Amino acid sequence: MLTFAAALACIVSTACGGSGESKETSPTARPSPHISTPTPEVLAFQYEVQEGDSLYALAVRFGTSVDEILAINKFSSPDELSVGQVILIPGVPPPDVPSPKVVPRNPAGAGFKFPIEGACLPNVDKLMPNAPREYRAGIHEGVDFYAGYNCANVAEGTPVTAAKAGTVVRADHGFTEFTADELQELLNRSLAQGYTDAEALDRFRGRQVWVDHGNGVVTRYCHLSAIPTAIREGAQVAAGDLVGYVGNSGTPEAVTAPGTEMHLHFELRVGDTFLGAGLPADQVRQLYEQAFSPE
């Protein structure tokens, strides 16, 4: 099997096959005139507030700031901190910080429908949020729906539907795929800086549709191969409405091995981060089980 670097080299110089870690053969399109500002990856971990804790003390202890803690938890005042409360702390958890025993209330709520008919959550944690993505020195921020992992047939062109009623706030009808040079530049930059920056992360999501459900909750449907013409900024959608089709746009394979490993990358965003950011795998799974349960 060719390594990714070898596969990319073949694409640049001669015609040969390859393999990578994402997917798509994208239909004809040009760049969108309007692209919403992408949200950078937010690393955070869960912490249970103890007697004597204050936001200032926690900021000093964990090398962050009071403002960052307030922002990631959507606190309007430091007075909202209370003993036993489970909050998010920006950064990587020190080894001596135990995981809280309880999963916090799901801030996204419940009542979401799976975006692919007959689907379920993946049976492996590598397709769930917080899984490492070494090829770009980053982490996974959503749920991947693949054939063989999610209880449903997932192939190129499989319909993707809105998980809940809302307003379309982004629809990449004008998406253009990576060139081999652009892909290599983004990969090199990510590996050199040790993380995937906001611009690169947005490109790696490929062709996207975003739906705003209110109260800071947004769903993203990524790596799409195409989007219906009716799905445009400002359009109202109901749960189950068609918003796109499965593809592999924005993935390394779209350049190195077009048409392989088709899947949907689905994100459930709350405020400035993704649902489950920084939590252990079992707690992340519980949060998404709650989200996809009836209201």
C-alpha atoms as a PDB file:
ATOM      1  CA  MET A   1       0.000   0.000   0.000  1.00  0.00           C
ATOM      2  CA  LEU A   2       1.342   3.432  -0.877  1.00  0.00           C
ATOM      3  CA  THR A   3       1.992   5.880   1.939  1.00  0.00           C
ATOM      4  CA  PHE A   4       0.040   9.135   1.767  1.00  0.00           C
ATOM      5  CA  ALA A   5       3.154  11.083   0.812  1.00  0.00           C
ATOM      6  CA  ALA A   6       3.975   8.600  -1.944  1.00  0.00           C
ATOM      7  CA  ALA A   7       0.410   8.661  -3.188  1.00  0.00           C
ATOM      8  CA  LEU A   8       0.392  12.435  -3.344  1.00  0.00           C
ATOM      9  CA  ALA A   9       3.706  12.419  -5.171  1.00  0.00           C
ATOM     10  CA  CYS A  10       2.200  10.086  -7.758  1.00  0.00           C
ATOM     11  CA  ILE A  11      -0.746  12.442  -8.263  1.00  0.00           C
ATOM     12  CA  VAL A  12       1.611  15.352  -8.874  1.00  0.00           C
ATOM     13  CA  SER A  13       3.967  13.516 -11.254  1.00  0.00           C
ATOM     14  CA  THR A  14       2.260  10.435 -12.738  1.00  0.00           C
ATOM     15  CA  ALA A  15      -1.099   8.683 -12.573  1.00  0.00           C
ATOM     16  CA  CYS A  16      -1.319   6.073  -9.800  1.00  0.00           C
ATOM     17  CA  GLY A  17      -3.629   5.016  -6.948  1.00  0.00           C
ATOM     18  CA  GLY A  18      -3.460   6.073  -3.302  1.00  0.00           C
ATOM     19  CA  SER A  19      -5.085   5.976   0.104  1.00  0.00           C
ATOM     20  CA  GLY A  20      -5.755   8.486   2.867  1.00  0.00           C
ATOM     21  CA  GLU A  21      -8.154   9.294   5.688  1.00  0.00           C
ATOM     22  CA  SER A  22     -11.133  11.271   4.307  1.00  0.00           C
ATOM     23  CA  LYS A  23     -13.161  11.279   1.076  1.00  0.00           C
ATOM     24  CA  GLU A  24     -14.815  12.754  -2.178  1.00  0.00           C
ATOM     25  CA  THR A  25     -15.327  13.148  -5.868  1.00  0.00           C
ATOM     26  CA  SER A  26     -16.945  16.546  -6.047  1.00  0.00           C
ATOM     27  CA  PRO A  27     -19.359  17.745  -8.718  1.00  0.00           C
ATOM     28  CA  THR A  28     -18.743  20.878 -10.745  1.00  0.00           C
ATOM     29  CA  ALA A  29     -18.579  24.041  -8.689  1.00  0.00           C
ATOM     30  CA  ARG A  30     -16.754  27.314  -8.074  1.00  0.00           C
ATOM     31  CA  PRO A  31     -15.984  29.135  -4.820  1.00  0.00           C
ATOM     32  CA  SER A  32     -18.966  30.500  -2.908  1.00  0.00           C
ATOM     33  CA  PRO A  33     -19.196  34.297  -2.756  1.00  0.00           C
ATOM     34  CA  HIS A  34     -19.964  34.053   0.959  1.00  0.00           C
ATOM     35  CA  ILE A  35     -18.196  31.714   3.386  1.00  0.00           C
ATOM     36  CA  SER A  36     -19.122  31.864   7.064  1.00  0.00           C
ATOM     37  CA  THR A  37     -16.202  32.390   9.425  1.00  0.00           C
ATOM     38  CA  PRO A  38     -14.935  28.939  10.453  1.00  0.00           C
ATOM     39  CA  THR A  39     -14.599  28.051  14.116  1.00  0.00           C
ATOM     40  CA  PRO A  40     -11.110  26.856  15.159  1.00  0.00           C
ATOM     41  CA  GLU A  41     -10.610  23.620  17.035  1.00  0.00           C
ATOM     42  CA  VAL A  42     -11.189  24.178  20.746  1.00  0.00           C
ATOM     43  CA  LEU A  43      -9.354  21.822  23.086  1.00  0.00           C
ATOM     44  CA  ALA A  44     -10.954  21.577  26.521  1.00  0.00           C
ATOM     45  CA  PHE A  45     -11.545  19.101  29.317  1.00  0.00           C
ATOM     46  CA  GLN A  46     -14.239  18.537  31.904  1.00  0.00           C
ATOM     47  CA  TYR A  47     -13.683  19.581  35.525  1.00  0.00           C
ATOM     48  CA  GLU A  48     -15.884  19.190  38.596  1.00  0.00           C
ATOM     49  CA  VAL A  49     -15.800  22.318  40.771  1.00  0.00           C
ATOM     50  CA  GLN A  50     -14.471  21.703  44.297  1.00  0.00           C
ATOM     51  CA  GLU A  51     -14.897  23.573  47.572  1.00  0.00           C
ATOM     52  CA  GLY A  52     -12.674  26.651  47.535  1.00  0.00           C
ATOM     53  CA  ASP A  53     -12.369  26.857  43.738  1.00  0.00           C
ATOM     54  CA  SER A  54     -12.681  30.194  41.975  1.00  0.00           C
ATOM     55  CA  LEU A  55     -12.423  31.019  38.302  1.00  0.00           C
ATOM     56  CA  TYR A  56      -9.215  32.947  38.950  1.00  0.00           C
ATOM     57  CA  ALA A  57      -7.667  30.019  40.854  1.00  0.00           C
ATOM     58  CA  LEU A  58      -8.695  27.560  38.138  1.00  0.00           C
ATOM     59  CA  ALA A  59      -7.293  29.832  35.424  1.00  0.00           C
ATOM     60  CA  VAL A  60      -3.940  30.032  37.207  1.00  0.00           C
ATOM     61  CA  ARG A  61      -3.890  26.301  37.995  1.00  0.00           C
ATOM     62  CA  PHE A  62      -4.598  25.227  34.422  1.00  0.00           C
ATOM     63  CA  GLY A  63      -2.735  27.943  32.537  1.00  0.00           C
ATOM     64  CA  THR A  64      -5.720  29.670  30.982  1.00  0.00           C
ATOM     65  CA  SER A  65      -7.688  32.856  31.709  1.00  0.00           C
ATOM     66  CA  VAL A  66     -10.925  33.739  33.473  1.00  0.00           C
ATOM     67  CA  ASP A  67     -12.303  35.166  30.224  1.00  0.00           C
ATOM     68  CA  GLU A  68     -11.589  31.934  28.330  1.00  0.00           C
ATOM     69  CA  ILE A  69     -13.333  29.837  30.998  1.00  0.00           C
ATOM     70  CA  LEU A  70     -16.322  32.179  30.974  1.00  0.00           C
ATOM     71  CA  ALA A  71     -16.523  32.068  27.175  1.00  0.00           C
ATOM     72  CA  ILE A  72     -16.307  28.302  26.686  1.00  0.00           C
ATOM     73  CA  ASN A  73     -18.965  27.697  29.361  1.00  0.00           C
ATOM     74  CA  LYS A  74     -21.195  30.561  28.182  1.00  0.00           C
ATOM     75  CA  PHE A  75     -21.116  32.096  31.684  1.00  0.00           C
ATOM     76  CA  SER A  76     -22.204  35.707  31.960  1.00  0.00           C
ATOM     77  CA  SER A  77     -20.648  36.119  35.419  1.00  0.00           C
ATOM     78  CA  PRO A  78     -17.995  34.426  37.617  1.00  0.00           C
ATOM     79  CA  ASP A  79     -20.737  34.089  40.250  1.00  0.00           C
ATOM     80  CA  GLU A  80     -22.267  31.214  38.252  1.00  0.00           C
ATOM     81  CA  LEU A  81     -19.595  28.833  39.601  1.00  0.00           C
ATOM     82  CA  SER A  82     -20.811  26.377  42.282  1.00  0.00           C
ATOM     83  CA  VAL A  83     -19.431  23.321  44.074  1.00  0.00           C
ATOM     84  CA  GLY A  84     -20.166  20.075  42.224  1.00  0.00           C
ATOM     85  CA  GLN A  85     -20.781  21.869  38.947  1.00  0.00           C
ATOM     86  CA  VAL A  86     -19.183  20.293  35.867  1.00  0.00           C
ATOM     87  CA  ILE A  87     -17.510  22.875  33.645  1.00  0.00           C
ATOM     88  CA  LEU A  88     -15.113  22.961  30.703  1.00  0.00           C
ATOM     89  CA  ILE A  89     -11.532  24.194  31.093  1.00  0.00           C
ATOM     90  CA  PRO A  90      -9.665  25.243  27.904  1.00  0.00           C
ATOM     91  CA  GLY A  91      -6.528  23.222  27.221  1.00  0.00           C
ATOM     92  CA  VAL A  92      -5.285  19.681  27.745  1.00  0.00           C
ATOM     93  CA  PRO A  93      -6.157  18.006  31.078  1.00  0.00           C
ATOM     94  CA  PRO A  94      -3.232  17.426  33.470  1.00  0.00           C
ATOM     95  CA  PRO A  95      -2.775  13.735  34.382  1.00  0.00           C
ATOM     96  CA  ASP A  96      -3.855  14.342  37.990  1.00  0.00           C
ATOM     97  CA  VAL A  97      -7.342  15.623  37.128  1.00  0.00           C
ATOM     98  CA  PRO A  98      -9.925  12.814  37.372  1.00  0.00           C
ATOM     99  CA  SER A  99     -12.891  12.721  35.004  1.00  0.00           C
ATOM    100  CA  PRO A 100     -16.145  13.740  36.690  1.00  0.00           C
ATOM    101  CA  LYS A 101     -18.410  10.804  37.462  1.00  0.00           C
ATOM    102  CA  VAL A 102     -21.472  12.342  35.870  1.00  0.00           C
ATOM    103  CA  VAL A 103     -22.164  13.433  32.331  1.00  0.00           C
ATOM    104  CA  PRO A 104     -23.312  17.062  32.324  1.00  0.00           C
ATOM    105  CA  ARG A 105     -26.693  17.976  30.962  1.00  0.00           C
ATOM    106  CA  ASN A 106     -26.578  17.906  27.190  1.00  0.00           C
ATOM    107  CA  PRO A 107     -26.416  21.598  26.152  1.00  0.00           C
ATOM    108  CA  ALA A 108     -27.643  20.762  22.642  1.00  0.00           C
ATOM    109  CA  GLY A 109     -30.843  19.155  23.911  1.00  0.00           C
ATOM    110  CA  ALA A 110     -32.549  16.094  22.463  1.00  0.00           C
ATOM    111  CA  GLY A 111     -34.818  15.310  19.541  1.00  0.00           C
ATOM    112  CA  PHE A 112     -32.209  15.195  16.774  1.00  0.00           C
ATOM    113  CA  LYS A 113     -32.697  12.680  13.954  1.00  0.00           C
ATOM    114  CA  PHE A 114     -29.846  10.776  12.372  1.00  0.00           C
ATOM    115  CA  PRO A 115     -28.847  12.541   9.146  1.00  0.00           C
ATOM    116  CA  ILE A 116     -28.837   9.281   7.189  1.00  0.00           C
ATOM    117  CA  GLU A 117     -31.912   7.054   7.118  1.00  0.00           C
ATOM    118  CA  GLY A 118     -31.570   3.972   9.333  1.00  0.00           C
ATOM    119  CA  ALA A 119     -28.247   5.100  10.809  1.00  0.00           C
ATOM    120  CA  CYS A 120     -26.962   4.780  14.361  1.00  0.00           C
ATOM    121  CA  LEU A 121     -23.871   6.019  16.187  1.00  0.00           C
ATOM    122  CA  PRO A 122     -20.640   4.400  14.949  1.00  0.00           C
ATOM    123  CA  ASN A 123     -19.533   1.222  16.676  1.00  0.00           C
ATOM    124  CA  VAL A 124     -15.944   2.473  17.094  1.00  0.00           C
ATOM    125  CA  ASP A 125     -14.699   5.553  18.957  1.00  0.00           C
ATOM    126  CA  LYS A 126     -12.292   6.561  16.164  1.00  0.00           C
ATOM    127  CA  LEU A 127     -15.329   7.888  14.270  1.00  0.00           C
ATOM    128  CA  MET A 128     -16.573   9.945  17.253  1.00  0.00           C
ATOM    129  CA  PRO A 129     -15.567  13.416  18.519  1.00  0.00           C
ATOM    130  CA  ASN A 130     -12.108  13.893  20.095  1.00  0.00           C
ATOM    131  CA  ALA A 131     -10.537  10.990  18.188  1.00  0.00           C
ATOM    132  CA  PRO A 132      -7.021  11.932  16.995  1.00  0.00           C
ATOM    133  CA  ARG A 133      -6.390  12.808  13.361  1.00  0.00           C
ATOM    134  CA  GLU A 134      -2.629  12.397  13.170  1.00  0.00           C
ATOM    135  CA  TYR A 135      -2.350  13.086   9.444  1.00  0.00           C
ATOM    136  CA  ARG A 136      -3.197  16.767  10.136  1.00  0.00           C
ATOM    137  CA  ALA A 137      -2.085  16.988  13.805  1.00  0.00           C
ATOM    138  CA  GLY A 138      -5.651  17.563  14.928  1.00  0.00           C
ATOM    139  CA  ILE A 139      -8.712  16.025  16.508  1.00  0.00           C
ATOM    140  CA  HIS A 140     -12.058  14.898  15.162  1.00  0.00           C
ATOM    141  CA  GLU A 141     -14.930  17.264  15.935  1.00  0.00           C
ATOM    142  CA  GLY A 142     -17.923  15.254  14.778  1.00  0.00           C
ATOM    143  CA  VAL A 143     -19.480  11.875  14.059  1.00  0.00           C
ATOM    144  CA  ASP A 144     -18.550   9.979  10.898  1.00  0.00           C
ATOM    145  CA  PHE A 145     -21.124   7.838   9.088  1.00  0.00           C
ATOM    146  CA  TYR A 146     -19.503   5.054   7.058  1.00  0.00           C
ATOM    147  CA  ALA A 147     -20.812   1.871   5.472  1.00  0.00           C
ATOM    148  CA  GLY A 148     -20.283  -1.011   7.909  1.00  0.00           C
ATOM    149  CA  TYR A 149     -20.031   1.155  11.024  1.00  0.00           C
ATOM    150  CA  ASN A 150     -23.339   2.979  11.410  1.00  0.00           C
ATOM    151  CA  CYS A 151     -26.229   0.506  10.848  1.00  0.00           C
ATOM    152  CA  ALA A 152     -26.968   1.898   7.372  1.00  0.00           C
ATOM    153  CA  ASN A 153     -25.778   1.791   3.804  1.00  0.00           C
ATOM    154  CA  VAL A 154     -23.570   4.813   3.168  1.00  0.00           C
ATOM    155  CA  ALA A 155     -22.306   5.332  -0.361  1.00  0.00           C
ATOM    156  CA  GLU A 156     -21.595   8.148  -2.780  1.00  0.00           C
ATOM    157  CA  GLY A 157     -24.834  10.002  -3.351  1.00  0.00           C
ATOM    158  CA  THR A 158     -26.650   8.667  -0.266  1.00  0.00           C
ATOM    159  CA  PRO A 159     -29.176  11.352   0.807  1.00  0.00           C
ATOM    160  CA  VAL A 160     -28.223  13.466   3.817  1.00  0.00           C
ATOM    161  CA  THR A 161     -31.093  15.022   5.768  1.00  0.00           C
ATOM    162  CA  ALA A 162     -31.484  17.775   8.353  1.00  0.00           C
ATOM    163  CA  ALA A 163     -31.208  16.468  11.904  1.00  0.00           C
ATOM    164  CA  LYS A 164     -33.672  19.057  13.205  1.00  0.00           C
ATOM    165  CA  ALA A 165     -35.709  22.021  11.996  1.00  0.00           C
ATOM    166  CA  GLY A 166     -33.745  25.214  11.466  1.00  0.00           C
ATOM    167  CA  THR A 167     -32.363  27.842   9.116  1.00  0.00           C
ATOM    168  CA  VAL A 168     -29.629  27.182   6.569  1.00  0.00           C
ATOM    169  CA  VAL A 169     -26.727  29.534   7.303  1.00  0.00           C
ATOM    170  CA  ARG A 170     -24.181  28.071   4.896  1.00  0.00           C
ATOM    171  CA  ALA A 171     -24.423  26.058   1.681  1.00  0.00           C
ATOM    172  CA  ASP A 172     -21.246  25.560  -0.358  1.00  0.00           C
ATOM    173  CA  HIS A 173     -22.680  25.382  -3.862  1.00  0.00           C
ATOM    174  CA  GLY A 174     -19.474  26.924  -5.176  1.00  0.00           C
ATOM    175  CA  PHE A 175     -17.046  24.543  -3.512  1.00  0.00           C
ATOM    176  CA  THR A 176     -13.823  23.681  -5.358  1.00  0.00           C
ATOM    177  CA  GLU A 177     -11.664  20.707  -4.413  1.00  0.00           C
ATOM    178  CA  PHE A 178      -8.043  20.866  -3.260  1.00  0.00           C
ATOM    179  CA  THR A 179      -5.273  20.952  -5.769  1.00  0.00           C
ATOM    180  CA  ALA A 180      -2.449  18.557  -4.948  1.00  0.00           C
ATOM    181  CA  ASP A 181      -0.227  21.523  -4.058  1.00  0.00           C
ATOM    182  CA  GLU A 182      -2.841  23.076  -1.748  1.00  0.00           C
ATOM    183  CA  LEU A 183      -3.424  19.776   0.040  1.00  0.00           C
ATOM    184  CA  GLN A 184       0.295  19.278   0.607  1.00  0.00           C
ATOM    185  CA  GLU A 185       0.715  22.851   1.853  1.00  0.00           C
ATOM    186  CA  LEU A 186      -2.123  22.475   4.368  1.00  0.00           C
ATOM    187  CA  LEU A 187      -0.826  19.132   5.610  1.00  0.00           C
ATOM    188  CA  ASN A 188       2.735  20.444   5.947  1.00  0.00           C
ATOM    189  CA  ARG A 189       1.520  23.562   7.782  1.00  0.00           C
ATOM    190  CA  SER A 190      -0.650  21.561  10.182  1.00  0.00           C
ATOM    191  CA  LEU A 191       2.130  19.139  11.043  1.00  0.00           C
ATOM    192  CA  ALA A 192       4.687  21.928  11.441  1.00  0.00           C
ATOM    193  CA  GLN A 193       2.540  23.953  13.844  1.00  0.00           C
ATOM    194  CA  GLY A 194       1.224  20.886  15.692  1.00  0.00           C
ATOM    195  CA  TYR A 195      -2.488  21.560  15.154  1.00  0.00           C
ATOM    196  CA  THR A 196      -5.029  22.168  12.400  1.00  0.00           C
ATOM    197  CA  ASP A 197      -5.759  25.875  12.164  1.00  0.00           C
ATOM    198  CA  ALA A 198      -9.226  27.258  11.411  1.00  0.00           C
ATOM    199  CA  GLU A 199      -8.633  27.834   7.703  1.00  0.00           C
ATOM    200  CA  ALA A 200      -7.213  24.376   7.112  1.00  0.00           C
ATOM    201  CA  LEU A 201      -9.896  22.701   9.208  1.00  0.00           C
ATOM    202  CA  ASP A 202     -12.613  24.398   7.191  1.00  0.00           C
ATOM    203  CA  ARG A 203     -11.049  23.186   3.939  1.00  0.00           C
ATOM    204  CA  PHE A 204     -10.732  19.634   5.278  1.00  0.00           C
ATOM    205  CA  ARG A 205     -14.501  19.595   5.920  1.00  0.00           C
ATOM    206  CA  GLY A 206     -15.071  19.956   2.183  1.00  0.00           C
ATOM    207  CA  ARG A 207     -18.448  20.949   0.751  1.00  0.00           C
ATOM    208  CA  GLN A 208     -20.696  21.819   3.705  1.00  0.00           C
ATOM    209  CA  VAL A 209     -24.205  22.759   4.749  1.00  0.00           C
ATOM    210  CA  TRP A 210     -24.785  24.382   8.146  1.00  0.00           C
ATOM    211  CA  VAL A 211     -28.193  24.583   9.808  1.00  0.00           C
ATOM    212  CA  ASP A 212     -28.846  26.911  12.756  1.00  0.00           C
ATOM    213  CA  HIS A 213     -31.347  25.491  15.276  1.00  0.00           C
ATOM    214  CA  GLY A 214     -31.328  28.479  17.626  1.00  0.00           C
ATOM    215  CA  ASN A 215     -29.832  28.935  21.109  1.00  0.00           C
ATOM    216  CA  GLY A 216     -26.302  28.591  19.766  1.00  0.00           C
ATOM    217  CA  VAL A 217     -26.854  25.090  18.345  1.00  0.00           C
ATOM    218  CA  VAL A 218     -25.740  24.439  14.756  1.00  0.00           C
ATOM    219  CA  THR A 219     -25.434  21.189  12.804  1.00  0.00           C
ATOM    220  CA  ARG A 220     -22.870  20.808  10.025  1.00  0.00           C
ATOM    221  CA  TYR A 221     -23.028  18.297   7.172  1.00  0.00           C
ATOM    222  CA  CYS A 222     -19.586  17.880   5.611  1.00  0.00           C
ATOM    223  CA  HIS A 223     -17.696  16.130   2.777  1.00  0.00           C
ATOM    224  CA  LEU A 224     -20.838  16.408   0.640  1.00  0.00           C
ATOM    225  CA  SER A 225     -20.721  15.523  -3.056  1.00  0.00           C
ATOM    226  CA  ALA A 226     -23.606  17.866  -3.967  1.00  0.00           C
ATOM    227  CA  ILE A 227     -26.271  20.123  -2.450  1.00  0.00           C
ATOM    228  CA  PRO A 228     -29.871  20.592  -3.709  1.00  0.00           C
ATOM    229  CA  THR A 229     -30.418  23.981  -5.358  1.00  0.00           C
ATOM    230  CA  ALA A 230     -33.181  24.809  -2.840  1.00  0.00           C
ATOM    231  CA  ILE A 231     -30.729  24.605   0.061  1.00  0.00           C
ATOM    232  CA  ARG A 232     -29.362  28.133   0.296  1.00  0.00           C
ATOM    233  CA  GLU A 233     -28.616  30.672   3.020  1.00  0.00           C
ATOM    234  CA  GLY A 234     -31.850  31.659   4.730  1.00  0.00           C
ATOM    235  CA  ALA A 235     -33.825  28.587   3.629  1.00  0.00           C
ATOM    236  CA  GLN A 236     -35.991  26.969   6.308  1.00  0.00           C
ATOM    237  CA  VAL A 237     -35.689  23.204   6.698  1.00  0.00           C
ATOM    238  CA  ALA A 238     -37.631  20.671   8.735  1.00  0.00           C
ATOM    239  CA  ALA A 239     -36.146  17.572  10.348  1.00  0.00           C
ATOM    240  CA  GLY A 240     -35.711  14.979   7.621  1.00  0.00           C
ATOM    241  CA  ASP A 241     -35.495  17.469   4.732  1.00  0.00           C
ATOM    242  CA  LEU A 242     -32.828  16.728   2.125  1.00  0.00           C
ATOM    243  CA  VAL A 243     -29.753  18.952   2.541  1.00  0.00           C
ATOM    244  CA  GLY A 244     -27.105  17.127   0.511  1.00  0.00           C
ATOM    245  CA  TYR A 245     -25.543  13.897  -0.687  1.00  0.00           C
ATOM    246  CA  VAL A 246     -22.704  11.796   0.729  1.00  0.00           C
ATOM    247  CA  GLY A 247     -19.280  12.353  -0.818  1.00  0.00           C
ATOM    248  CA  ASN A 248     -15.658  12.727   0.232  1.00  0.00           C
ATOM    249  CA  SER A 249     -14.938  16.370  -0.597  1.00  0.00           C
ATOM    250  CA  GLY A 250     -12.201  18.032   1.400  1.00  0.00           C
ATOM    251  CA  THR A 251     -10.439  14.785   2.262  1.00  0.00           C
ATOM    252  CA  PRO A 252      -6.933  13.762   1.214  1.00  0.00           C
ATOM    253  CA  GLU A 253      -8.493  10.902  -0.747  1.00  0.00           C
ATOM    254  CA  ALA A 254     -10.337  13.376  -2.937  1.00  0.00           C
ATOM    255  CA  VAL A 255      -6.865  14.096  -4.387  1.00  0.00           C
ATOM    256  CA  THR A 256      -4.965  10.843  -3.878  1.00  0.00           C
ATOM    257  CA  ALA A 257      -7.720   8.265  -4.502  1.00  0.00           C
ATOM    258  CA  PRO A 258     -10.915   9.905  -5.790  1.00  0.00           C
ATOM    259  CA  GLY A 259     -14.148   8.050  -5.096  1.00  0.00           C
ATOM    260  CA  THR A 260     -12.904   6.007  -2.150  1.00  0.00           C
ATOM    261  CA  GLU A 261     -14.112   5.834   1.488  1.00  0.00           C
ATOM    262  CA  MET A 262     -17.289   7.851   1.007  1.00  0.00           C
ATOM    263  CA  HIS A 263     -18.833   9.072   4.261  1.00  0.00           C
ATOM    264  CA  LEU A 264     -20.725  11.856   5.994  1.00  0.00           C
ATOM    265  CA  HIS A 265     -18.961  13.933   8.624  1.00  0.00           C
ATOM    266  CA  PHE A 266     -21.652  15.362  10.928  1.00  0.00           C
ATOM    267  CA  GLU A 267     -20.981  18.005  13.579  1.00  0.00           C
ATOM    268  CA  LEU A 268     -23.223  19.136  16.402  1.00  0.00           C
ATOM    269  CA  ARG A 269     -21.940  22.529  17.498  1.00  0.00           C
ATOM    270  CA  VAL A 270     -22.829  24.349  20.706  1.00  0.00           C
ATOM    271  CA  GLY A 271     -21.591  27.916  20.860  1.00  0.00           C
ATOM    272  CA  ASP A 272     -17.936  28.072  19.827  1.00  0.00           C
ATOM    273  CA  THR A 273     -17.156  24.381  20.134  1.00  0.00           C
ATOM    274  CA  PHE A 274     -18.451  20.909  19.350  1.00  0.00           C
ATOM    275  CA  LEU A 275     -20.622  18.747  21.571  1.00  0.00           C
ATOM    276  CA  GLY A 276     -18.413  16.574  23.780  1.00  0.00           C
ATOM    277  CA  ALA A 277     -15.219  18.615  23.414  1.00  0.00           C
ATOM    278  CA  GLY A 278     -12.528  17.304  25.766  1.00  0.00           C
ATOM    279  CA  LEU A 279     -14.667  14.568  27.334  1.00  0.00           C
ATOM    280  CA  PRO A 280     -13.773  10.876  27.675  1.00  0.00           C
ATOM    281  CA  ALA A 281     -15.095   8.611  24.915  1.00  0.00           C
ATOM    282  CA  ASP A 282     -17.803   6.995  27.037  1.00  0.00           C
ATOM    283  CA  GLN A 283     -19.209  10.356  28.106  1.00  0.00           C
ATOM    284  CA  VAL A 284     -19.127  11.676  24.542  1.00  0.00           C
ATOM    285  CA  ARG A 285     -21.135   8.677  23.398  1.00  0.00           C
ATOM    286  CA  GLN A 286     -23.690   9.259  26.167  1.00  0.00           C
ATOM    287  CA  LEU A 287     -24.100  12.902  25.109  1.00  0.00           C
ATOM    288  CA  TYR A 288     -24.803  11.921  21.497  1.00  0.00           C
ATOM    289  CA  GLU A 289     -27.170   9.168  22.596  1.00  0.00           C
ATOM    290  CA  GLN A 290     -29.047  11.861  24.520  1.00  0.00           C
ATOM    291  CA  ALA A 291     -29.037  14.195  21.503  1.00  0.00           C
ATOM    292  CA  PHE A 292     -30.504  11.514  19.235  1.00  0.00           C
ATOM    293  CA  SER A 293     -33.136  10.473  21.773  1.00  0.00           C
ATOM    294  CA  PRO A 294     -36.767  11.731  21.604  1.00  0.00           C
ATOM    295  CA  GLU A 295     -37.519  15.053  23.273  1.00  0.00           C
END
